[in-house]
C-alpha atoms as a PDB file:
ATOM      1  CA  MET A   1      -2.014  15.205  52.339  1.00  0.00           C
ATOM      2  CA  LYS A   2       0.484  15.350  49.796  1.00  0.00           C
ATOM      3  CA  ARG A   3       2.271  11.899  50.925  1.00  0.00           C
ATOM      4  CA  ILE A   4      -1.415  10.153  50.579  1.00  0.00           C
ATOM      5  CA  PHE A   5      -1.056  11.666  46.808  1.00  0.00           C
ATOM      6  CA  THR A   6       1.899  10.250  46.600  1.00  0.00           C
ATOM      7  CA  LEU A   7       0.987   6.589  47.619  1.00  0.00           C
ATOM      8  CA  ILE A   8      -1.414   6.692  45.550  1.00  0.00           C
ATOM      9  CA  ALA A   9       0.537   7.875  42.342  1.00  0.00           C
ATOM     10  CA  VAL A  10       2.824   5.335  43.080  1.00  0.00           C
ATOM     11  CA  PHE A  11       0.159   2.611  43.103  1.00  0.00           C
ATOM     12  CA  VAL A  12      -1.227   3.726  40.462  1.00  0.00           C
ATOM     13  CA  SER A  13       2.114   3.432  38.091  1.00  0.00           C
ATOM     14  CA  LEU A  14       3.045  -0.085  39.703  1.00  0.00           C
ATOM     15  CA  THR A  15      -0.721  -1.350  38.723  1.00  0.00           C
ATOM     16  CA  ALA A  16      -0.357  -0.170  35.260  1.00  0.00           C
ATOM     17  CA  LEU A  17       3.318  -1.377  34.730  1.00  0.00           C
ATOM     18  CA  ALA A  18       1.930  -4.984  36.419  1.00  0.00           C
ATOM     19  CA  GLN A  19      -0.610  -4.842  33.383  1.00  0.00           C
ATOM     20  CA  SER A  20       1.918  -3.824  30.948  1.00  0.00           C
ATOM     21  CA  ASN A  21       3.624  -6.926  32.366  1.00  0.00           C
ATOM     22  CA  VAL A  22       0.757  -9.058  31.836  1.00  0.00           C
ATOM     23  CA  SER A  23      -0.159  -7.913  28.546  1.00  0.00           C
ATOM     24  CA  ASP A  24       3.525  -8.215  27.347  1.00  0.00           C
ATOM     25  CA  LYS A  25       3.926 -12.115  28.434  1.00  0.00           C
ATOM     26  CA  ALA A  26       0.611 -12.717  27.260  1.00  0.00           C
ATOM     27  CA  ALA A  27       1.396 -11.877  23.475  1.00  0.00           C
ATOM     28  CA  GLU A  28       4.850 -13.299  24.185  1.00  0.00           C
ATOM     29  CA  ALA A  29       2.920 -16.740  25.061  1.00  0.00           C
ATOM     30  CA  PHE A  30       0.393 -15.910  21.850  1.00  0.00           C
ATOM     31  CA  GLN A  31       3.573 -15.763  19.648  1.00  0.00           C
ATOM     32  CA  LYS A  32       5.040 -19.146  21.299  1.00  0.00           C
ATOM     33  CA  LYS A  33       1.768 -20.454  20.323  1.00  0.00           C
ATOM     34  CA  ASP A  34       1.221 -21.536  23.706  1.00  0.00           C
ATOM     35  CA  TRP A  35      -2.887 -20.654  23.262  1.00  0.00           C
ATOM     36  CA  LYS A  36      -3.801 -21.580  26.910  1.00  0.00           C
ATOM     37  CA  THR A  37      -0.964 -19.427  28.488  1.00  0.00           C
ATOM     38  CA  ALA A  38      -2.294 -16.753  26.098  1.00  0.00           C
ATOM     39  CA  ILE A  39      -5.928 -17.133  27.327  1.00  0.00           C
ATOM     40  CA  GLN A  40      -5.326 -17.221  30.910  1.00  0.00           C
ATOM     41  CA  LEU A  41      -3.178 -13.835  30.739  1.00  0.00           C
ATOM     42  CA  PHE A  42      -5.401 -12.123  28.462  1.00  0.00           C
ATOM     43  CA  LYS A  43      -8.307 -13.083  30.677  1.00  0.00           C
ATOM     44  CA  THR A  44      -6.578 -11.784  33.895  1.00  0.00           C
ATOM     45  CA  TYR A  45      -5.542  -8.349  31.853  1.00  0.00           C
ATOM     46  CA  ARG A  46      -9.302  -7.771  30.806  1.00  0.00           C
ATOM     47  CA  GLN A  47     -10.028  -7.888  34.083  1.00  0.00           C
ATOM     48  CA  ASN A  48      -8.352  -4.112  34.593  1.00  0.00           C
ATOM     49  CA  ASN A  49      -8.549  -3.279  30.693  1.00  0.00           C
ATOM     50  CA  SER A  50     -11.828  -4.559  29.461  1.00  0.00           C
ATOM     51  CA  SER A  51     -12.089  -1.895  26.588  1.00  0.00           C
ATOM     52  CA  ASP A  52      -9.070  -3.460  24.972  1.00  0.00           C
ATOM     53  CA  ILE A  53     -10.010  -4.818  21.430  1.00  0.00           C
ATOM     54  CA  GLY A  54      -6.529  -6.421  20.387  1.00  0.00           C
ATOM     55  CA  SER A  55      -6.866  -8.661  23.547  1.00  0.00           C
ATOM     56  CA  LEU A  56     -10.969  -9.793  22.546  1.00  0.00           C
ATOM     57  CA  LEU A  57      -8.733 -10.553  18.952  1.00  0.00           C
ATOM     58  CA  TYR A  58      -5.773 -12.521  20.776  1.00  0.00           C
ATOM     59  CA  LEU A  59      -8.647 -14.604  22.690  1.00  0.00           C
ATOM     60  CA  ALA A  60     -10.833 -15.077  19.778  1.00  0.00           C
ATOM     61  CA  TYR A  61      -7.593 -16.674  17.704  1.00  0.00           C
ATOM     62  CA  SER A  62      -6.017 -18.577  20.908  1.00  0.00           C
ATOM     63  CA  GLU A  63      -9.276 -20.437  21.647  1.00  0.00           C
ATOM     64  CA  ALA A  64      -9.761 -20.888  18.141  1.00  0.00           C
ATOM     65  CA  ASN A  65      -6.429 -22.332  17.511  1.00  0.00           C
ATOM     66  CA  LEU A  66      -7.433 -24.354  20.660  1.00  0.00           C
ATOM     67  CA  GLN A  67     -10.209 -25.514  18.174  1.00  0.00           C
ATOM     68  CA  ASP A  68     -12.185 -24.564  20.624  1.00  0.00           C
ATOM     69  CA  TYR A  69     -14.638 -22.488  18.356  1.00  0.00           C
ATOM     70  CA  LYS A  70     -17.790 -22.111  20.696  1.00  0.00           C
ATOM     71  CA  ALA A  71     -15.491 -20.086  22.971  1.00  0.00           C
ATOM     72  CA  ALA A  72     -14.043 -18.187  20.201  1.00  0.00           C
ATOM     73  CA  ILE A  73     -17.363 -17.113  18.639  1.00  0.00           C
ATOM     74  CA  PRO A  74     -18.582 -14.572  21.416  1.00  0.00           C
ATOM     75  CA  TYR A  75     -14.854 -12.838  21.473  1.00  0.00           C
ATOM     76  CA  ALA A  76     -15.162 -12.402  17.894  1.00  0.00           C
ATOM     77  CA  ASP A  77     -18.592 -11.206  17.970  1.00  0.00           C
ATOM     78  CA  SER A  78     -17.450  -8.372  20.406  1.00  0.00           C
ATOM     79  CA  VAL A  79     -14.725  -7.214  18.481  1.00  0.00           C
ATOM     80  CA  MET A  80     -17.511  -6.703  15.685  1.00  0.00           C
ATOM     81  CA  LEU A  81     -19.630  -4.673  18.021  1.00  0.00           C
ATOM     82  CA  LEU A  82     -17.002  -2.878  19.517  1.00  0.00           C
ATOM     83  CA  SER A  83     -14.234  -2.112  16.914  1.00  0.00           C
ATOM     84  CA  GLY A  84     -14.798   0.395  14.377  1.00  0.00           C
ATOM     85  CA  GLN A  85     -11.695  -0.560  12.806  1.00  0.00           C
ATOM     86  CA  PRO A  86     -12.277  -2.618   9.468  1.00  0.00           C
ATOM     87  CA  ASN A  87      -8.923  -4.441   9.848  1.00  0.00           C
ATOM     88  CA  ASN A  88     -10.123  -5.697  13.650  1.00  0.00           C
ATOM     89  CA  GLN A  89     -13.027  -6.373  12.229  1.00  0.00           C
ATOM     90  CA  ASN A  90     -11.648  -8.928   9.391  1.00  0.00           C
ATOM     91  CA  GLN A  91      -9.907 -10.450  11.668  1.00  0.00           C
ATOM     92  CA  ALA A  92     -13.086 -11.115  13.483  1.00  0.00           C
ATOM     93  CA  ARG A  93     -14.558 -12.578  10.780  1.00  0.00           C
ATOM     94  CA  LEU A  94     -11.625 -14.624   9.302  1.00  0.00           C
ATOM     95  CA  VAL A  95     -11.681 -16.199  13.205  1.00  0.00           C
ATOM     96  CA  LEU A  96     -16.028 -16.289  12.673  1.00  0.00           C
ATOM     97  CA  ALA A  97     -15.575 -17.766   9.221  1.00  0.00           C
ATOM     98  CA  ARG A  98     -13.529 -20.623  10.166  1.00  0.00           C
ATOM     99  CA  SER A  99     -15.230 -21.589  13.623  1.00  0.00           C
ATOM    100  CA  TYR A 100     -18.409 -21.618  11.635  1.00  0.00           C
ATOM    101  CA  ALA A 101     -16.741 -23.784   8.877  1.00  0.00           C
ATOM    102  CA  ALA A 102     -15.300 -26.101  11.686  1.00  0.00           C
ATOM    103  CA  LEU A 103     -18.453 -26.350  12.613  1.00  0.00           C
ATOM    104  CA  ASN A 104     -20.115 -26.969   9.627  1.00  0.00           C
ATOM    105  CA  ASN A 105     -22.388 -24.186   9.189  1.00  0.00           C
ATOM    106  CA  LYS A 106     -21.023 -23.516   5.684  1.00  0.00           C
ATOM    107  CA  GLY A 107     -24.002 -20.670   5.303  1.00  0.00           C
ATOM    108  CA  GLN A 108     -21.671 -18.186   8.110  1.00  0.00           C
ATOM    109  CA  ALA A 109     -18.915 -19.660   7.074  1.00  0.00           C
ATOM    110  CA  MET A 110     -19.531 -18.115   3.435  1.00  0.00           C
ATOM    111  CA  GLN A 111     -21.270 -14.964   4.587  1.00  0.00           C
ATOM    112  CA  TYR A 112     -18.527 -14.220   7.104  1.00  0.00           C
ATOM    113  CA  LEU A 113     -15.573 -14.053   4.408  1.00  0.00           C
ATOM    114  CA  GLU A 114     -17.984 -12.319   1.809  1.00  0.00           C
ATOM    115  CA  ASP A 115     -18.281  -9.286   3.951  1.00  0.00           C
ATOM    116  CA  ALA A 116     -14.595  -9.716   4.971  1.00  0.00           C
ATOM    117  CA  ALA A 117     -13.865  -9.390   0.796  1.00  0.00           C
ATOM    118  CA  VAL A 118     -16.248  -6.745   0.568  1.00  0.00           C
ATOM    119  CA  HIS A 119     -14.587  -4.474   3.433  1.00  0.00           C
ATOM    120  CA  GLY A 120     -11.256  -5.005   1.666  1.00  0.00           C
ATOM    121  CA  ALA A 121      -9.847  -8.268   3.568  1.00  0.00           C
ATOM    122  CA  ASN A 122      -6.822  -8.972   1.858  1.00  0.00           C
ATOM    123  CA  PHE A 123      -5.762 -12.409   3.548  1.00  0.00           C
ATOM    124  CA  TYR A 124      -6.793 -14.765   0.246  1.00  0.00           C
ATOM    125  CA  ASN A 125      -3.736 -16.832   1.525  1.00  0.00           C
ATOM    126  CA  ARG A 126      -5.498 -17.931   4.748  1.00  0.00           C
ATOM    127  CA  LEU A 127      -8.335 -19.552   3.061  1.00  0.00           C
ATOM    128  CA  SER A 128      -6.184 -22.109   1.461  1.00  0.00           C
ATOM    129  CA  ASP A 129      -6.439 -23.560   5.217  1.00  0.00           C
ATOM    130  CA  THR A 130      -7.941 -26.664   5.274  1.00  0.00           C
ATOM    131  CA  ILE A 131     -10.921 -26.003   7.605  1.00  0.00           C
ATOM    132  CA  PHE A 132     -12.076 -24.268   4.736  1.00  0.00           C
ATOM    133  CA  SER A 133     -12.316 -27.602   2.481  1.00  0.00           C
ATOM    134  CA  MET A 134     -15.828 -28.035   2.602  1.00  0.00           C
ATOM    135  CA  LEU A 135     -16.199 -24.505   0.557  1.00  0.00           C
ATOM    136  CA  ARG A 136     -13.765 -24.742  -1.818  1.00  0.00           C
ATOM    137  CA  SER A 137     -15.717 -26.237  -4.636  1.00  0.00           C
ATOM    138  CA  ASP A 138     -17.963 -23.475  -4.340  1.00  0.00           C
ATOM    139  CA  GLU A 139     -18.130 -20.909  -6.909  1.00  0.00           C
ATOM    140  CA  LYS A 140     -18.889 -18.321  -4.511  1.00  0.00           C
ATOM    141  CA  PHE A 141     -15.832 -18.986  -2.542  1.00  0.00           C
ATOM    142  CA  LYS A 142     -13.637 -18.558  -5.512  1.00  0.00           C
ATOM    143  CA  LYS A 143     -14.832 -15.321  -6.474  1.00  0.00           C
ATOM    144  CA  ILE A 144     -14.505 -14.398  -2.776  1.00  0.00           C
ATOM    145  CA  THR A 145     -10.512 -15.579  -3.358  1.00  0.00           C
ATOM    146  CA  GLU A 146     -10.221 -13.818  -5.801  1.00  0.00           C
ATOM    147  CA  GLN A 147     -11.314 -10.515  -4.319  1.00  0.00           C
ATOM    148  CA  MET A 148      -9.059 -10.577  -1.702  1.00  0.00           C
ATOM    149  CA  LYS A 149      -6.447 -10.977  -4.209  1.00  0.00           C
ATOM    150  CA  VAL A 150      -7.593  -8.076  -5.458  1.00  0.00           C
ATOM    151  CA  ASN A 151      -7.882  -6.181  -2.487  1.00  0.00           C
ATOM    152  CA  SER A 152      -4.349  -7.107  -1.468  1.00  0.00           C
ATOM    153  CA  ALA A 153      -2.700  -5.287  -4.861  1.00  0.00           C
ATOM    154  CA  PRO A 154      -5.201  -3.250  -6.147  1.00  0.00           C
ATOM    155  CA  CYS A 155      -2.973  -1.322  -8.707  1.00  0.00           C
ATOM    156  CA  GLN A 156      -2.549  -4.313 -10.041  1.00  0.00           C
ATOM    157  CA  TYR A 157      -5.722  -4.943 -11.190  1.00  0.00           C
ATOM    158  CA  ASP A 158      -6.770  -1.325 -12.013  1.00  0.00           C
ATOM    159  CA  GLU A 159      -6.291  -0.474 -15.637  1.00  0.00           C
ATOM    160  CA  ARG A 160      -5.770   2.974 -14.823  1.00  0.00           C
ATOM    161  CA  TYR A 161      -2.897   2.181 -12.982  1.00  0.00           C
ATOM    162  CA  LYS A 162      -1.002   0.561 -15.857  1.00  0.00           C
ATOM    163  CA  LYS A 163      -1.193   3.902 -18.464  1.00  0.00           C
ATOM    164  CA  LEU A 164       2.395   4.478 -18.437  1.00  0.00           C
ATOM    165  CA  ASN A 165       3.526   0.610 -18.126  1.00  0.00           C
ATOM    166  CA  PHE A 166       5.452   0.734 -21.383  1.00  0.00           C
ATOM    167  CA  TRP A 167       8.282   3.236 -19.771  1.00  0.00           C
ATOM    168  CA  LEU A 168       9.365   0.111 -17.674  1.00  0.00           C
ATOM    169  CA  GLY A 169      12.716  -1.128 -18.604  1.00  0.00           C
ATOM    170  CA  ILE A 170      16.348   0.177 -18.665  1.00  0.00           C
ATOM    171  CA  TRP A 171      16.419   2.603 -21.659  1.00  0.00           C
ATOM    172  CA  GLU A 172      19.184   4.451 -23.058  1.00  0.00           C
ATOM    173  CA  VAL A 173      18.698   8.000 -23.928  1.00  0.00           C
ATOM    174  CA  TYR A 174      19.915  10.314 -26.962  1.00  0.00           C
ATOM    175  CA  ILE A 175      19.498  13.577 -27.951  1.00  0.00           C
ATOM    176  CA  GLY A 176      20.651  15.431 -31.205  1.00  0.00           C
ATOM    177  CA  ASN A 177      19.418  16.299 -34.713  1.00  0.00           C
ATOM    178  CA  ASN A 178      18.890  12.259 -35.415  1.00  0.00           C
ATOM    179  CA  PHE A 179      19.055  11.255 -31.254  1.00  0.00           C
ATOM    180  CA  GLU A 180      22.444   9.744 -32.698  1.00  0.00           C
ATOM    181  CA  ASN A 181      23.765  10.915 -29.137  1.00  0.00           C
ATOM    182  CA  LYS A 182      23.657   8.782 -26.139  1.00  0.00           C
ATOM    183  CA  VAL A 183      23.718  10.755 -23.308  1.00  0.00           C
ATOM    184  CA  ALA A 184      21.967   9.069 -20.150  1.00  0.00           C
ATOM    185  CA  ILE A 185      20.578   5.506 -18.822  1.00  0.00           C
ATOM    186  CA  ASP A 186      17.182   5.739 -17.256  1.00  0.00           C
ATOM    187  CA  THR A 187      16.059   2.618 -15.364  1.00  0.00           C
ATOM    188  CA  ILE A 188      12.304   2.749 -14.638  1.00  0.00           C
ATOM    189  CA  THR A 189      10.687   0.034 -12.501  1.00  0.00           C
ATOM    190  CA  HIS A 190       7.164  -0.512 -10.641  1.00  0.00           C
ATOM    191  CA  GLY A 191       6.889   0.559  -6.359  1.00  0.00           C
ATOM    192  CA  PRO A 192       5.199  -1.668  -4.220  1.00  0.00           C
ATOM    193  CA  GLY A 193       1.879  -3.381  -5.417  1.00  0.00           C
ATOM    194  CA  ASP A 194       2.582  -1.609  -8.930  1.00  0.00           C
ATOM    195  CA  CYS A 195       1.376   1.552  -7.694  1.00  0.00           C
ATOM    196  CA  ALA A 196       3.711   3.664  -8.414  1.00  0.00           C
ATOM    197  CA  ILE A 197       6.723   3.868 -11.123  1.00  0.00           C
ATOM    198  CA  PHE A 198      10.285   4.458 -10.087  1.00  0.00           C
ATOM    199  CA  GLU A 199      13.083   6.656 -12.396  1.00  0.00           C
ATOM    200  CA  ASN A 200      16.915   6.409 -11.769  1.00  0.00           C
ATOM    201  CA  PHE A 201      17.738   8.944 -14.205  1.00  0.00           C
ATOM    202  CA  VAL A 202      21.798   8.746 -15.023  1.00  0.00           C
ATOM    203  CA  TRP A 203      23.808  11.755 -17.388  1.00  0.00           C
ATOM    204  CA  THR A 204      26.454   9.818 -18.631  1.00  0.00           C
ATOM    205  CA  GLY A 205      27.687  12.380 -21.383  1.00  0.00           C
ATOM    206  CA  GLY A 206      29.608  14.243 -18.885  1.00  0.00           C
ATOM    207  CA  GLY A 207      28.881  15.813 -15.525  1.00  0.00           C
ATOM    208  CA  SER A 208      27.778  13.871 -12.870  1.00  0.00           C
ATOM    209  CA  TYR A 209      23.645  14.664 -12.841  1.00  0.00           C
ATOM    210  CA  LYS A 210      21.632  12.329 -11.713  1.00  0.00           C
ATOM    211  CA  GLY A 211      18.073  12.159 -10.804  1.00  0.00           C
ATOM    212  CA  ARG A 212      15.137  10.143  -9.516  1.00  0.00           C
ATOM    213  CA  SER A 213      11.152  10.394  -9.802  1.00  0.00           C
ATOM    214  CA  MET A 214       8.404   8.787  -8.448  1.00  0.00           C
ATOM    215  CA  THR A 215       4.990   8.808 -10.924  1.00  0.00           C
ATOM    216  CA  PHE A 216       1.829   7.833  -9.764  1.00  0.00           C
ATOM    217  CA  PHE A 217      -2.026   7.743 -10.437  1.00  0.00           C
ATOM    218  CA  ASP A 218      -3.481   9.995  -7.785  1.00  0.00           C
ATOM    219  CA  PRO A 219      -7.525   8.439  -7.721  1.00  0.00           C
ATOM    220  CA  SER A 220      -8.639  12.196  -5.328  1.00  0.00           C
ATOM    221  CA  THR A 221      -7.867  13.912  -8.702  1.00  0.00           C
ATOM    222  CA  GLN A 222      -7.975  11.247 -11.744  1.00  0.00           C
ATOM    223  CA  LYS A 223      -4.992  12.407 -12.633  1.00  0.00           C
ATOM    224  CA  PHE A 224      -1.430  11.346 -12.939  1.00  0.00           C
ATOM    225  CA  ARG A 225       1.329  13.021 -11.083  1.00  0.00           C
ATOM    226  CA  MET A 226       5.034  12.779 -10.879  1.00  0.00           C
ATOM    227  CA  CYS A 227       7.674  14.207  -8.374  1.00  0.00           C
ATOM    228  CA  TRP A 228      11.009  14.645  -9.496  1.00  0.00           C
ATOM    229  CA  ALA A 229      14.233  15.566  -7.685  1.00  0.00           C
ATOM    230  CA  GLY A 230      17.730  16.047  -9.330  1.00  0.00           C
ATOM    231  CA  SER A 231      20.918  16.517  -8.098  1.00  0.00           C
ATOM    232  CA  SER A 232      21.039  20.323  -9.173  1.00  0.00           C
ATOM    233  CA  ALA A 233      18.354  21.274  -6.790  1.00  0.00           C
ATOM    234  CA  ASP A 234      16.004  20.583  -9.289  1.00  0.00           C
ATOM    235  CA  ILE A 235      12.988  19.637  -7.885  1.00  0.00           C
ATOM    236  CA  ARG A 236       9.442  19.882  -9.373  1.00  0.00           C
ATOM    237  CA  ASN A 237       6.030  18.362  -8.572  1.00  0.00           C
ATOM    238  CA  PHE A 238       4.613  17.949 -12.064  1.00  0.00           C
ATOM    239  CA  GLU A 239       0.862  17.218 -12.738  1.00  0.00           C
ATOM    240  CA  GLU A 240      -1.319  15.756 -15.706  1.00  0.00           C
ATOM    241  CA  ILE A 241      -2.845  17.901 -18.406  1.00  0.00           C
ATOM    242  CA  LYS A 242      -3.036  15.887 -21.075  1.00  0.00           C
ATOM    243  CA  ASN A 243      -3.616  12.158 -21.299  1.00  0.00           C
ATOM    244  CA  GLU A 244      -4.289  10.467 -24.837  1.00  0.00           C
ATOM    245  CA  PRO A 245      -3.432   7.091 -25.869  1.00  0.00           C
ATOM    246  CA  ASN A 246       0.461   6.289 -26.000  1.00  0.00           C
ATOM    247  CA  MET A 247       1.109   9.485 -24.627  1.00  0.00           C
ATOM    248  CA  ILE A 248       1.012  11.480 -21.507  1.00  0.00           C
ATOM    249  CA  GLN A 249       1.678  15.593 -20.907  1.00  0.00           C
ATOM    250  CA  PHE A 250       2.707  16.843 -17.128  1.00  0.00           C
ATOM    251  CA  LEU A 251       3.195  20.494 -16.173  1.00  0.00           C
ATOM    252  CA  ALA A 252       4.749  21.760 -13.391  1.00  0.00           C
ATOM    253  CA  ILE A 253       5.332  25.456 -11.988  1.00  0.00           C
ATOM    254  CA  THR A 254       8.460  26.099  -9.977  1.00  0.00           C
ATOM    255  CA  ASN A 255      10.899  28.782  -9.529  1.00  0.00           C
ATOM    256  CA  ALA A 256      13.801  29.444 -11.816  1.00  0.00           C
ATOM    257  CA  PRO A 257      17.144  31.430 -10.203  1.00  0.00           C
ATOM    258  CA  GLY A 258      16.188  34.988  -9.373  1.00  0.00           C
ATOM    259  CA  ASN A 259      12.799  33.346  -8.610  1.00  0.00           C
ATOM    260  CA  GLN A 260      11.628  33.639 -12.230  1.00  0.00           C
ATOM    261  CA  LEU A 261       8.247  31.614 -12.142  1.00  0.00           C
ATOM    262  CA  VAL A 262       8.938  29.043 -14.440  1.00  0.00           C
ATOM    263  CA  HIS A 263       6.144  26.880 -16.557  1.00  0.00           C
ATOM    264  CA  ARG A 264       7.728  23.721 -17.240  1.00  0.00           C
ATOM    265  CA  ARG A 265       6.139  21.504 -19.706  1.00  0.00           C
ATOM    266  CA  MET A 266       6.989  17.638 -20.319  1.00  0.00           C
ATOM    267  CA  THR A 267       5.400  15.104 -22.797  1.00  0.00           C
ATOM    268  CA  ILE A 268       6.389  11.337 -22.602  1.00  0.00           C
ATOM    269  CA  SER A 269       4.855   9.435 -26.142  1.00  0.00           C
ATOM    270  CA  TYR A 270       5.707   5.676 -26.368  1.00  0.00           C
ATOM    271  CA  ASN A 271       5.842   4.392 -30.337  1.00  0.00           C
ATOM    272  CA  PRO A 272       4.442   1.057 -30.367  1.00  0.00           C
ATOM    273  CA  SER A 273       5.891   0.092 -33.838  1.00  0.00           C
ATOM    274  CA  ASP A 274       9.431   0.512 -32.434  1.00  0.00           C
ATOM    275  CA  GLY A 275       9.060   0.637 -28.873  1.00  0.00           C
ATOM    276  CA  SER A 276      10.741   3.745 -28.351  1.00  0.00           C
ATOM    277  CA  VAL A 277       9.474   6.534 -26.028  1.00  0.00           C
ATOM    278  CA  HIS A 278      10.243   9.785 -26.923  1.00  0.00           C
ATOM    279  CA  GLN A 279      10.123  12.910 -24.038  1.00  0.00           C
ATOM    280  CA  PHE A 280      10.193  16.628 -24.945  1.00  0.00           C
ATOM    281  CA  ILE A 281      10.368  18.769 -22.161  1.00  0.00           C
ATOM    282  CA  GLU A 282       9.847  23.045 -22.701  1.00  0.00           C
ATOM    283  CA  ASN A 283       9.613  26.054 -20.562  1.00  0.00           C
ATOM    284  CA  SER A 284       7.604  28.695 -20.483  1.00  0.00           C
ATOM    285  CA  PHE A 285       8.548  32.293 -18.403  1.00  0.00           C
ATOM    286  CA  ASP A 286       5.688  34.108 -19.768  1.00  0.00           C
ATOM    287  CA  PHE A 287       3.135  31.832 -18.267  1.00  0.00           C
ATOM    288  CA  GLY A 288       2.586  29.758 -21.292  1.00  0.00           C
ATOM    289  CA  ARG A 289       2.479  32.317 -24.222  1.00  0.00           C
ATOM    290  CA  THR A 290       5.555  30.938 -25.315  1.00  0.00           C
ATOM    291  CA  TRP A 291       7.697  27.684 -25.143  1.00  0.00           C
ATOM    292  CA  GLU A 292      11.417  27.397 -25.542  1.00  0.00           C
ATOM    293  CA  VAL A 293      13.048  23.512 -25.833  1.00  0.00           C
ATOM    294  CA  ASP A 294      14.444  22.522 -22.603  1.00  0.00           C
ATOM    295  CA  PHE A 295      15.380  18.714 -23.728  1.00  0.00           C
ATOM    296  CA  ASP A 296      14.606  16.550 -26.864  1.00  0.00           C
ATOM    297  CA  ALA A 297      15.202  13.066 -25.670  1.00  0.00           C
ATOM    298  CA  MET A 298      14.478   9.402 -27.596  1.00  0.00           C
ATOM    299  CA  PHE A 299      14.511   6.406 -25.016  1.00  0.00           C
ATOM    300  CA  ARG A 300      15.691   3.321 -26.466  1.00  0.00           C
ATOM    301  CA  LYS A 301      15.314   0.103 -24.415  1.00  0.00           C
ATOM    302  CA  VAL A 302      18.313  -1.757 -23.406  1.00  0.00           C
ATOM    303  CA  LYS A 303      18.454  -5.159 -25.326  1.00  0.00           C
END
């Protein structure tokens, strides 16, 4: 009996391996744009893997790329019916839009593109395909294209994320009574999609201190956050506590040496008249009753 179960297990493993090989070869044929071979292999693969949504998408695209749009539509429809993944559904909507545009059904093509844009599709570059030429002069098509551009980089179009854009650039950092002593260089850049701001702070006034931060607007709390990590193991997580025009204030609660609790308050202010940025940091060791100045600096942009 044990031998029979062993043989069954070996058979099942070999079958799974064979199916995996078929899938790999099908995907490879698709990448090589050998659509006919991809279709044949994916159909073979689906004989034992009918629940695989990815193979349906491959088949839909392959048929559409062969310009057999009537064959592509049922596969794309099946993805819409069986998949709950928004990306899968939007890829299927794109195939359906292409297919119906090729079949001169402008209304259906436009509807699928509009649905894709509403559901977060960001493939606006795909709309330059000549297959959509019949739609291009339509105002609705233009709005769909713009919506997909917004979907591709939403932070660039959302004013909430632009609060700290005044801080972008390369800055010389000065301290002292009249801010006459240059002590650091601070470089502030946008992160991917402008959804965060990255800071690279290098102390030049003696010593080798460096630090970096990432600041971003958190839509779940409707507040900005800053995560700071310095070379002296000063790790701080700041959260916005005040937000005014040309000013933002953060608070972080950390432990000082000796496990003493420290409230650290940082205020960043922008002066539009001369383009400077003032950073003012205070510490409190008594839960905010009194504050001591820790860092008072003027940032002047490198010209």
